[in-house]
Amino acid sequence: MKAPSQPEPAISQIAIELAGVNLSLGQGAARVHILKGIDLNIGKGEAIGLIGPSGSGKSTLLMVMAGLERADAGSVSVAGEELGRLDEDALARFRGRNVGIVFQSFHLIPTMTALENVAVPLELAGVTDANERAQAELESVGLGQRIHHYPAQLSGGEQQRVAVARALAPHPAILVADEPTGNLDEDTGRQIVDLLFAGHEKRGTTLVLVTHDASLAQRCGRVVRLRSGHVVDAA
């Protein structure tokens, strides 16, 4: 007797769903086909390590998931929202509410204090207690005594802690991190990764982590491998 097939996960359990995603970047003869027919489902609350050789499309795929790049073809659904249906203003509002992003290069505003860097996105999202929430997030990443310092007054590790606090402050459904330890020494990088996983585990946030570090990827519940714009393993 044929065994019954396993049911597909309910849509409410899927945090990120990509179907037939293609994306090319550049103009004219310099245009390059980066993502090639990507099909990938990521469950709510999963931690995914996204790995592959340089140029395989990891960071571009992350940007598509975060709504920072639009696919040329295919569909991208995040937290139940089809991103292709949103105009730029609606997409920006959606990101502000639902997606936390940590980059390799911190991307802090140099003329703002740590507190202001974390509070401003909350204010833009209409949060009434933005400063209080920003301070609480900075305290949670060990920067309670540094909230009034500017980025130039902070070490690289401290700046990345501010970036993590900023990403987590809106309580996003999705947290994406693109080589978050790339500009840090080993010990500092490990501390940043611990903060990311703590935010993921305590809040049930879906985490997608791009890394060249295989041991770091293995800390995730699942590893997705890319090669030449294709998903070659999503076990």
Protein backbone atom coordinates (compact mmCIF):
# COMPACT_ATOMS: atom_id res chain seq x y z
CA MET A 1 0.00 0.00 0.00
CA LYS A 2 1.37 3.38 -0.97
CA ALA A 3 2.31 5.54 1.99
CA PRO A 4 0.39 8.81 2.18
CA SER A 5 2.35 11.86 1.09
CA GLN A 6 3.34 14.36 3.74
CA PRO A 7 1.09 17.42 3.77
CA GLU A 8 2.50 20.75 2.70
CA PRO A 9 3.06 23.11 5.66
CA ALA A 10 0.18 25.47 6.29
CA ILE A 11 0.73 28.92 4.77
CA SER A 12 0.60 30.45 8.24
CA GLN A 13 3.74 28.44 9.07
CA ILE A 14 5.72 29.85 6.14
CA ALA A 15 7.58 33.08 6.83
CA ILE A 16 9.28 33.46 3.43
CA GLU A 17 8.15 31.86 0.18
CA LEU A 18 10.00 32.30 -3.11
CA ALA A 19 8.75 30.74 -6.34
CA GLY A 20 10.51 30.97 -9.69
CA VAL A 21 12.52 34.03 -8.63
CA ASN A 22 14.84 35.47 -11.28
CA LEU A 23 16.87 38.65 -11.02
CA SER A 24 19.43 40.31 -13.28
CA LEU A 25 21.51 43.34 -12.33
CA GLY A 26 23.41 45.85 -14.44
CA GLN A 27 22.73 47.47 -17.80
CA GLY A 28 23.30 46.44 -21.40
CA ALA A 29 26.31 44.20 -22.01
CA ALA A 30 27.18 44.40 -18.32
CA ARG A 31 23.84 42.93 -17.24
CA VAL A 32 24.33 39.72 -15.24
CA HIS A 33 21.71 37.05 -14.44
CA ILE A 34 22.21 36.66 -10.67
CA LEU A 35 19.26 34.59 -9.40
CA LYS A 36 17.98 31.79 -11.61
CA GLY A 37 14.62 30.20 -10.84
CA ILE A 38 14.88 30.22 -7.05
CA ASP A 39 12.26 28.14 -5.23
CA LEU A 40 12.57 28.24 -1.45
CA ASN A 41 10.29 28.11 1.58
CA ILE A 42 11.45 29.21 5.04
CA GLY A 43 9.28 28.34 8.01
CA LYS A 44 8.16 30.74 10.69
CA GLY A 45 10.78 30.84 13.45
CA GLU A 46 13.43 28.98 11.45
CA ALA A 47 17.11 29.93 11.46
CA ILE A 48 18.63 29.54 8.00
CA GLY A 49 22.31 29.69 7.09
CA LEU A 50 22.74 30.86 3.50
CA ILE A 51 26.13 29.81 2.10
CA GLY A 52 27.92 29.46 -1.21
CA PRO A 53 30.96 30.70 -3.16
CA SER A 54 31.52 34.40 -3.82
CA GLY A 55 29.25 35.49 -6.65
CA SER A 56 26.74 32.70 -6.07
CA GLY A 57 23.93 35.17 -5.32
CA LYS A 58 23.70 34.89 -1.51
CA SER A 59 23.57 38.59 -0.72
CA THR A 60 21.29 39.33 -3.66
CA LEU A 61 18.86 36.65 -2.51
CA LEU A 62 18.92 38.14 0.98
CA MET A 63 18.13 41.59 -0.44
CA VAL A 64 15.18 40.12 -2.36
CA MET A 65 13.86 38.53 0.84
CA ALA A 66 14.25 41.86 2.65
CA GLY A 67 12.42 43.78 -0.08
CA LEU A 68 15.50 45.82 -0.98
CA GLU A 69 15.71 44.32 -4.48
CA ARG A 70 12.74 43.45 -6.67
CA ALA A 71 12.68 40.19 -8.60
CA ASP A 72 12.38 40.41 -12.39
CA ALA A 73 10.17 37.32 -12.41
CA GLY A 74 8.58 34.98 -9.90
CA SER A 75 6.91 35.72 -6.60
CA VAL A 76 8.30 36.71 -3.20
CA SER A 77 6.03 36.45 -0.15
CA VAL A 78 7.26 37.56 3.27
CA ALA A 79 5.18 37.35 6.46
CA GLY A 80 2.12 36.64 4.30
CA GLU A 81 2.61 39.67 2.02
CA GLU A 82 3.31 39.38 -1.72
CA LEU A 83 6.07 41.97 -2.13
CA GLY A 84 5.58 42.36 -5.88
CA ARG A 85 2.14 43.88 -5.27
CA LEU A 86 3.47 46.72 -3.11
CA ASP A 87 4.53 50.11 -4.44
CA GLU A 88 7.75 51.64 -3.10
CA ASP A 89 6.09 53.52 -0.24
CA ALA A 90 4.08 50.50 0.88
CA LEU A 91 7.17 48.30 0.58
CA ALA A 92 9.18 50.69 2.77
CA ARG A 93 6.42 50.65 5.41
CA PHE A 94 6.29 46.86 5.26
CA ARG A 95 10.06 46.58 5.78
CA GLY A 96 9.91 48.99 8.71
CA ARG A 97 7.32 46.85 10.47
CA ASN A 98 8.40 43.35 9.53
CA VAL A 99 12.06 43.09 8.51
CA GLY A 100 15.17 43.75 10.60
CA ILE A 101 18.41 44.02 8.61
CA VAL A 102 22.02 43.78 9.80
CA PHE A 103 24.73 44.54 7.23
CA GLN A 104 28.47 43.85 7.29
CA SER A 105 29.25 47.59 7.21
CA PHE A 106 26.97 48.74 10.09
CA HIS A 107 25.24 51.54 8.07
CA LEU A 108 24.81 53.82 11.07
CA ILE A 109 24.06 57.52 10.59
CA PRO A 110 27.28 59.27 11.72
CA THR A 111 25.57 62.45 12.91
CA MET A 112 23.23 60.57 15.25
CA THR A 113 23.93 59.01 18.63
CA ALA A 114 23.48 55.30 19.23
CA LEU A 115 20.09 56.05 20.81
CA GLU A 116 18.98 58.15 17.84
CA ASN A 117 20.15 55.54 15.32
CA VAL A 118 17.91 52.96 16.99
CA ALA A 119 14.99 55.31 17.73
CA VAL A 120 14.59 56.96 14.32
CA PRO A 121 13.26 53.87 12.49
CA LEU A 122 10.80 53.36 15.35
CA GLU A 123 9.64 56.97 15.09
CA LEU A 124 9.16 56.58 11.33
CA ALA A 125 7.02 53.52 12.05
CA GLY A 126 4.83 55.58 14.40
CA VAL A 127 6.04 54.06 17.67
CA THR A 128 5.14 56.50 20.45
CA ASP A 129 7.74 55.33 22.98
CA ALA A 130 10.60 55.12 20.47
CA ASN A 131 13.31 56.47 22.77
CA GLU A 132 12.36 54.16 25.63
CA ARG A 133 12.32 51.11 23.35
CA ALA A 134 15.59 52.15 21.75
CA GLN A 135 17.26 52.50 25.13
CA ALA A 136 15.96 49.10 26.23
CA GLU A 137 17.32 47.47 23.07
CA LEU A 138 20.72 49.11 23.52
CA GLU A 139 20.83 47.91 27.12
CA SER A 140 19.98 44.39 25.94
CA VAL A 141 23.07 44.37 23.69
CA GLY A 142 25.33 45.70 26.43
CA LEU A 143 25.46 49.36 25.43
CA GLY A 144 23.46 50.95 28.23
CA GLN A 145 26.38 53.23 29.06
CA ARG A 146 27.04 54.22 25.45
CA ILE A 147 23.64 55.40 24.25
CA HIS A 148 24.71 59.02 23.80
CA HIS A 149 27.91 58.21 21.90
CA TYR A 150 28.23 58.80 18.16
CA PRO A 151 29.38 55.99 15.80
CA ALA A 152 32.89 57.48 15.51
CA GLN A 153 33.20 57.17 19.28
CA LEU A 154 32.34 53.47 19.23
CA SER A 155 34.44 50.44 18.30
CA GLY A 156 33.47 48.29 15.34
CA GLY A 157 31.92 45.73 17.65
CA GLU A 158 29.94 48.40 19.46
CA GLN A 159 28.71 49.84 16.18
CA GLN A 160 27.50 46.40 15.11
CA ARG A 161 25.73 46.03 18.46
CA VAL A 162 23.89 49.27 17.69
CA ALA A 163 22.97 47.83 14.28
CA VAL A 164 21.63 44.67 15.94
CA ALA A 165 19.61 46.73 18.42
CA ARG A 166 18.20 48.80 15.55
CA ALA A 167 17.23 45.65 13.63
CA LEU A 168 15.50 44.05 16.63
CA ALA A 169 13.79 47.16 18.02
CA PRO A 170 10.65 46.97 15.82
CA HIS A 171 10.18 43.31 16.90
CA PRO A 172 10.36 42.16 13.27
CA ALA A 173 8.96 38.88 12.02
CA ILE A 174 12.06 38.45 9.84
CA LEU A 175 15.70 39.16 10.75
CA VAL A 176 18.25 39.05 7.93
CA ALA A 177 22.00 39.44 8.39
CA ASP A 178 24.54 39.75 5.57
CA GLU A 179 28.03 38.70 6.74
CA PRO A 180 27.46 40.49 10.09
CA THR A 181 30.89 39.46 11.41
CA GLY A 182 32.84 40.31 8.25
CA ASN A 183 34.43 43.49 9.66
CA LEU A 184 35.03 42.17 13.17
CA ASP A 185 37.69 40.11 14.91
CA GLU A 186 36.82 36.54 15.86
CA ASP A 187 35.88 37.14 19.50
CA THR A 188 33.79 40.24 18.75
CA GLY A 189 32.13 38.47 15.83
CA ARG A 190 31.15 35.58 18.08
CA GLN A 191 29.51 38.01 20.51
CA ILE A 192 27.50 39.61 17.69
CA VAL A 193 26.35 36.22 16.44
CA ASP A 194 25.30 35.26 19.97
CA LEU A 195 23.15 38.42 20.09
CA LEU A 196 21.53 37.57 16.76
CA PHE A 197 20.68 34.05 17.86
CA ALA A 198 19.43 35.30 21.23
CA GLY A 199 17.08 37.71 19.44
CA HIS A 200 15.92 34.88 17.18
CA GLU A 201 15.33 32.40 19.99
CA LYS A 202 13.74 34.68 22.57
CA ARG A 203 11.35 36.37 20.13
CA GLY A 204 10.62 33.55 17.70
CA THR A 205 11.98 35.68 14.87
CA THR A 206 12.80 34.00 11.55
CA LEU A 207 16.55 34.43 10.98
CA VAL A 208 18.31 34.30 7.60
CA LEU A 209 22.09 34.57 7.90
CA VAL A 210 24.48 34.95 4.96
CA THR A 211 27.97 33.80 5.87
CA HIS A 212 31.19 32.34 4.45
CA ASP A 213 31.78 30.63 7.80
CA ALA A 214 30.58 27.02 7.61
CA SER A 215 30.75 26.56 11.40
CA LEU A 216 28.56 29.63 11.86
CA ALA A 217 26.07 28.36 9.29
CA GLN A 218 25.88 25.07 11.18
CA ARG A 219 24.51 26.92 14.22
CA CYS A 220 21.37 27.46 12.17
CA GLY A 221 18.63 24.88 12.02
CA ARG A 222 19.01 24.51 8.25
CA VAL A 223 21.70 25.35 5.70
CA VAL A 224 20.78 26.50 2.18
CA ARG A 225 23.57 26.34 -0.41
CA LEU A 226 23.71 28.48 -3.52
CA ARG A 227 25.89 28.02 -6.58
CA SER A 228 25.78 30.19 -9.71
CA GLY A 229 22.39 31.63 -8.78
CA HIS A 230 20.74 28.27 -8.08
CA VAL A 231 19.73 26.61 -4.81
CA VAL A 232 21.70 23.36 -4.89
CA ASP A 233 20.86 22.14 -1.39
CA ALA A 234 18.15 23.24 1.04
CA ALA A 235 18.26 20.33 3.49
